[in-house]
N, C-alpha and C. Protein backbone atom coordinates (compact mmCIF):
# COMPACT_ATOMS: atom_id res chain seq x y z
N UNK A 1 107.60 106.19 108.04
CA UNK A 1 108.00 104.95 108.65
C UNK A 1 107.30 103.76 108.01
N UNK A 2 106.02 103.92 107.70
CA UNK A 2 105.27 102.82 107.11
C UNK A 2 105.81 102.49 105.72
N UNK A 3 106.32 103.49 105.00
CA UNK A 3 106.89 103.25 103.68
C UNK A 3 108.10 102.34 103.73
N UNK A 4 108.91 102.49 104.76
CA UNK A 4 110.09 101.62 104.93
C UNK A 4 109.63 100.18 105.15
N UNK A 5 108.67 100.01 106.02
CA UNK A 5 108.17 98.68 106.34
C UNK A 5 107.52 98.04 105.13
N UNK A 6 106.71 98.80 104.40
CA UNK A 6 106.04 98.28 103.21
C UNK A 6 107.08 97.88 102.16
N UNK A 7 108.10 98.69 101.96
CA UNK A 7 109.14 98.37 100.99
C UNK A 7 109.89 97.10 101.35
N UNK A 8 110.24 96.96 102.61
CA UNK A 8 110.97 95.77 103.06
C UNK A 8 110.08 94.53 102.95
N UNK A 9 108.82 94.64 103.33
CA UNK A 9 107.91 93.50 103.20
C UNK A 9 107.70 93.12 101.74
N UNK A 10 107.59 94.12 100.88
CA UNK A 10 107.45 93.83 99.45
C UNK A 10 108.67 93.11 98.91
N UNK A 11 109.82 93.49 99.39
CA UNK A 11 111.06 92.85 98.94
C UNK A 11 111.17 91.42 99.49
N UNK A 12 110.71 91.21 100.70
CA UNK A 12 110.76 89.88 101.30
C UNK A 12 109.81 88.90 100.62
N UNK A 13 108.70 89.40 100.09
CA UNK A 13 107.72 88.53 99.44
C UNK A 13 108.27 87.96 98.14
N UNK A 14 109.09 88.73 97.45
CA UNK A 14 109.66 88.27 96.18
C UNK A 14 110.65 87.13 96.41
N UNK A 15 110.56 86.08 95.61
CA UNK A 15 111.54 85.00 95.76
C UNK A 15 112.88 85.40 95.17
N UNK A 16 113.93 84.84 95.69
CA UNK A 16 115.27 85.11 95.18
C UNK A 16 115.85 86.38 95.74
N UNK A 17 117.00 86.72 95.21
CA UNK A 17 117.73 87.89 95.67
C UNK A 17 117.48 89.07 94.73
N UNK A 18 117.23 90.22 95.30
CA UNK A 18 117.05 91.43 94.52
C UNK A 18 118.31 92.26 94.61
N UNK A 19 118.72 92.80 93.49
CA UNK A 19 119.97 93.57 93.42
C UNK A 19 119.69 95.07 93.35
N UNK A 20 118.74 95.53 94.14
CA UNK A 20 118.50 96.97 94.23
C UNK A 20 118.87 97.39 95.65
N UNK A 21 119.22 98.63 95.80
CA UNK A 21 119.67 99.13 97.09
C UNK A 21 118.53 99.37 98.06
N UNK A 22 118.91 99.60 99.29
CA UNK A 22 117.91 99.84 100.33
C UNK A 22 117.19 101.17 100.12
N UNK A 23 117.88 102.16 99.57
CA UNK A 23 117.24 103.45 99.31
C UNK A 23 116.12 103.29 98.28
N UNK A 24 116.37 102.54 97.23
CA UNK A 24 115.32 102.31 96.23
C UNK A 24 114.17 101.49 96.81
N UNK A 25 114.50 100.55 97.68
CA UNK A 25 113.46 99.76 98.34
C UNK A 25 112.58 100.66 99.19
N UNK A 26 113.18 101.59 99.91
CA UNK A 26 112.42 102.52 100.74
C UNK A 26 111.55 103.42 99.87
N UNK A 27 112.11 103.93 98.78
CA UNK A 27 111.33 104.80 97.89
C UNK A 27 110.15 104.06 97.27
N UNK A 28 110.37 102.81 96.88
CA UNK A 28 109.26 102.00 96.36
C UNK A 28 108.21 101.81 97.44
N UNK A 29 108.64 101.56 98.67
CA UNK A 29 107.71 101.39 99.78
C UNK A 29 106.89 102.63 100.06
N UNK A 30 107.52 103.77 100.00
CA UNK A 30 106.80 105.04 100.23
C UNK A 30 105.77 105.27 99.13
N UNK A 31 106.19 105.06 97.89
CA UNK A 31 105.25 105.23 96.77
C UNK A 31 104.11 104.23 96.87
N UNK A 32 104.41 102.98 97.22
CA UNK A 32 103.37 101.95 97.35
C UNK A 32 102.42 102.28 98.49
N UNK A 33 102.94 102.85 99.57
CA UNK A 33 102.09 103.21 100.70
C UNK A 33 101.10 104.30 100.31
N UNK A 34 101.58 105.33 99.62
CA UNK A 34 100.68 106.41 99.19
C UNK A 34 99.66 105.91 98.17
N UNK A 35 100.13 105.20 97.16
CA UNK A 35 99.23 104.71 96.12
C UNK A 35 98.25 103.68 96.68
N UNK A 36 98.73 102.80 97.55
CA UNK A 36 97.85 101.80 98.16
C UNK A 36 96.77 102.43 99.02
N UNK A 37 97.12 103.48 99.74
CA UNK A 37 96.12 104.19 100.54
C UNK A 37 95.06 104.82 99.65
N UNK A 38 95.49 105.41 98.54
CA UNK A 38 94.54 106.03 97.61
C UNK A 38 93.61 104.97 97.00
N UNK A 39 94.16 103.84 96.62
CA UNK A 39 93.34 102.77 96.05
C UNK A 39 92.36 102.23 97.08
N UNK A 40 92.85 102.00 98.31
CA UNK A 40 91.98 101.50 99.38
C UNK A 40 90.88 102.50 99.70
N UNK A 41 91.19 103.78 99.68
CA UNK A 41 90.16 104.80 99.93
C UNK A 41 89.13 104.79 98.79
N UNK A 42 89.61 104.63 97.57
CA UNK A 42 88.70 104.55 96.42
C UNK A 42 87.78 103.35 96.49
N UNK A 43 88.28 102.25 97.04
CA UNK A 43 87.47 101.04 97.19
C UNK A 43 86.61 101.08 98.45
N UNK A 44 86.87 102.05 99.32
CA UNK A 44 86.10 102.19 100.55
C UNK A 44 86.52 101.24 101.66
N UNK A 45 87.75 100.76 101.62
CA UNK A 45 88.21 99.83 102.66
C UNK A 45 89.26 100.44 103.58
N UNK A 46 89.46 101.73 103.53
CA UNK A 46 90.53 102.37 104.31
C UNK A 46 90.00 103.10 105.54
N UNK A 47 88.74 102.92 105.88
CA UNK A 47 88.16 103.69 106.98
C UNK A 47 87.66 102.80 108.11
N UNK A 48 88.56 102.16 108.81
CA UNK A 48 88.16 101.38 109.98
C UNK A 48 88.94 101.90 111.19
N UNK A 49 88.46 101.56 112.36
CA UNK A 49 89.12 102.04 113.58
C UNK A 49 90.30 101.16 113.96
N UNK A 50 90.36 99.97 113.40
CA UNK A 50 91.47 99.05 113.68
C UNK A 50 92.47 99.13 112.53
N UNK A 51 93.37 98.18 112.49
CA UNK A 51 94.34 98.12 111.39
C UNK A 51 93.61 97.74 110.11
N UNK A 52 93.89 98.47 109.06
CA UNK A 52 93.25 98.22 107.77
C UNK A 52 94.06 97.17 107.01
N UNK A 53 93.75 95.90 107.24
CA UNK A 53 94.54 94.82 106.66
C UNK A 53 94.46 94.80 105.14
N UNK A 54 93.29 95.09 104.59
CA UNK A 54 93.15 95.09 103.13
C UNK A 54 94.02 96.19 102.53
N UNK A 55 94.03 97.35 103.16
CA UNK A 55 94.88 98.45 102.70
C UNK A 55 96.36 98.05 102.74
N UNK A 56 96.77 97.41 103.81
CA UNK A 56 98.17 96.97 103.93
C UNK A 56 98.52 95.94 102.86
N UNK A 57 97.61 95.02 102.59
CA UNK A 57 97.86 94.02 101.54
C UNK A 57 97.99 94.66 100.17
N UNK A 58 97.17 95.67 99.90
CA UNK A 58 97.28 96.41 98.64
C UNK A 58 98.64 97.09 98.56
N UNK A 59 99.05 97.73 99.64
CA UNK A 59 100.33 98.42 99.67
C UNK A 59 101.50 97.45 99.45
N UNK A 60 101.46 96.31 100.12
CA UNK A 60 102.54 95.34 99.97
C UNK A 60 102.54 94.78 98.55
N UNK A 61 101.37 94.52 97.99
CA UNK A 61 101.30 94.05 96.61
C UNK A 61 101.90 95.05 95.64
N UNK A 62 101.62 96.32 95.85
CA UNK A 62 102.20 97.35 95.00
C UNK A 62 103.71 97.44 95.18
N UNK A 63 104.18 97.24 96.39
CA UNK A 63 105.62 97.25 96.64
C UNK A 63 106.30 96.07 95.94
N UNK A 64 105.66 94.92 95.94
CA UNK A 64 106.20 93.76 95.23
C UNK A 64 106.33 94.07 93.75
N UNK A 65 105.30 94.65 93.18
CA UNK A 65 105.34 95.02 91.76
C UNK A 65 106.44 96.04 91.50
N UNK A 66 106.57 97.02 92.38
CA UNK A 66 107.58 98.05 92.20
C UNK A 66 109.00 97.52 92.32
N UNK A 67 109.24 96.67 93.30
CA UNK A 67 110.58 96.09 93.47
C UNK A 67 110.91 95.19 92.28
N UNK A 68 109.94 94.39 91.84
CA UNK A 68 110.17 93.52 90.68
C UNK A 68 110.45 94.33 89.42
N UNK A 69 109.74 95.43 89.24
CA UNK A 69 109.97 96.28 88.07
C UNK A 69 111.36 96.91 88.11
N UNK A 70 111.78 97.39 89.27
CA UNK A 70 113.13 97.95 89.38
C UNK A 70 114.20 96.89 89.16
N UNK A 71 113.97 95.70 89.68
CA UNK A 71 114.93 94.61 89.50
C UNK A 71 115.04 94.24 88.02
N UNK A 72 113.91 94.17 87.35
CA UNK A 72 113.92 93.84 85.92
C UNK A 72 114.60 94.94 85.11
N UNK A 73 114.33 96.19 85.44
CA UNK A 73 114.97 97.31 84.72
C UNK A 73 116.47 97.32 84.97
N UNK A 74 116.89 97.00 86.17
CA UNK A 74 118.32 97.00 86.47
C UNK A 74 119.02 95.84 85.78
N UNK A 75 118.36 94.70 85.69
CA UNK A 75 119.00 93.53 85.07
C UNK A 75 119.13 93.68 83.55
N UNK A 76 118.35 94.54 82.94
CA UNK A 76 118.43 94.77 81.50
C UNK A 76 119.61 95.66 81.11
N UNK A 77 120.17 96.37 82.07
CA UNK A 77 121.29 97.28 81.78
C UNK A 77 122.54 96.55 81.50
């Protein structure tokens, strides 16, 4: 569920319209959620009892990069 939210938030952060489907957005969000959690754990910021805002920001940032990369790859075709 968090992957869907992260993917959608990553897509919303990007300016303009993205021409990738919702399934790809969800997949990018899932990948960003897993990778962001691993990065946050490596940095030692993923272990709090409340919401890990730094971890979420890392995940959303990765989703932005992923959505932008897919959009760029699709526009080159």
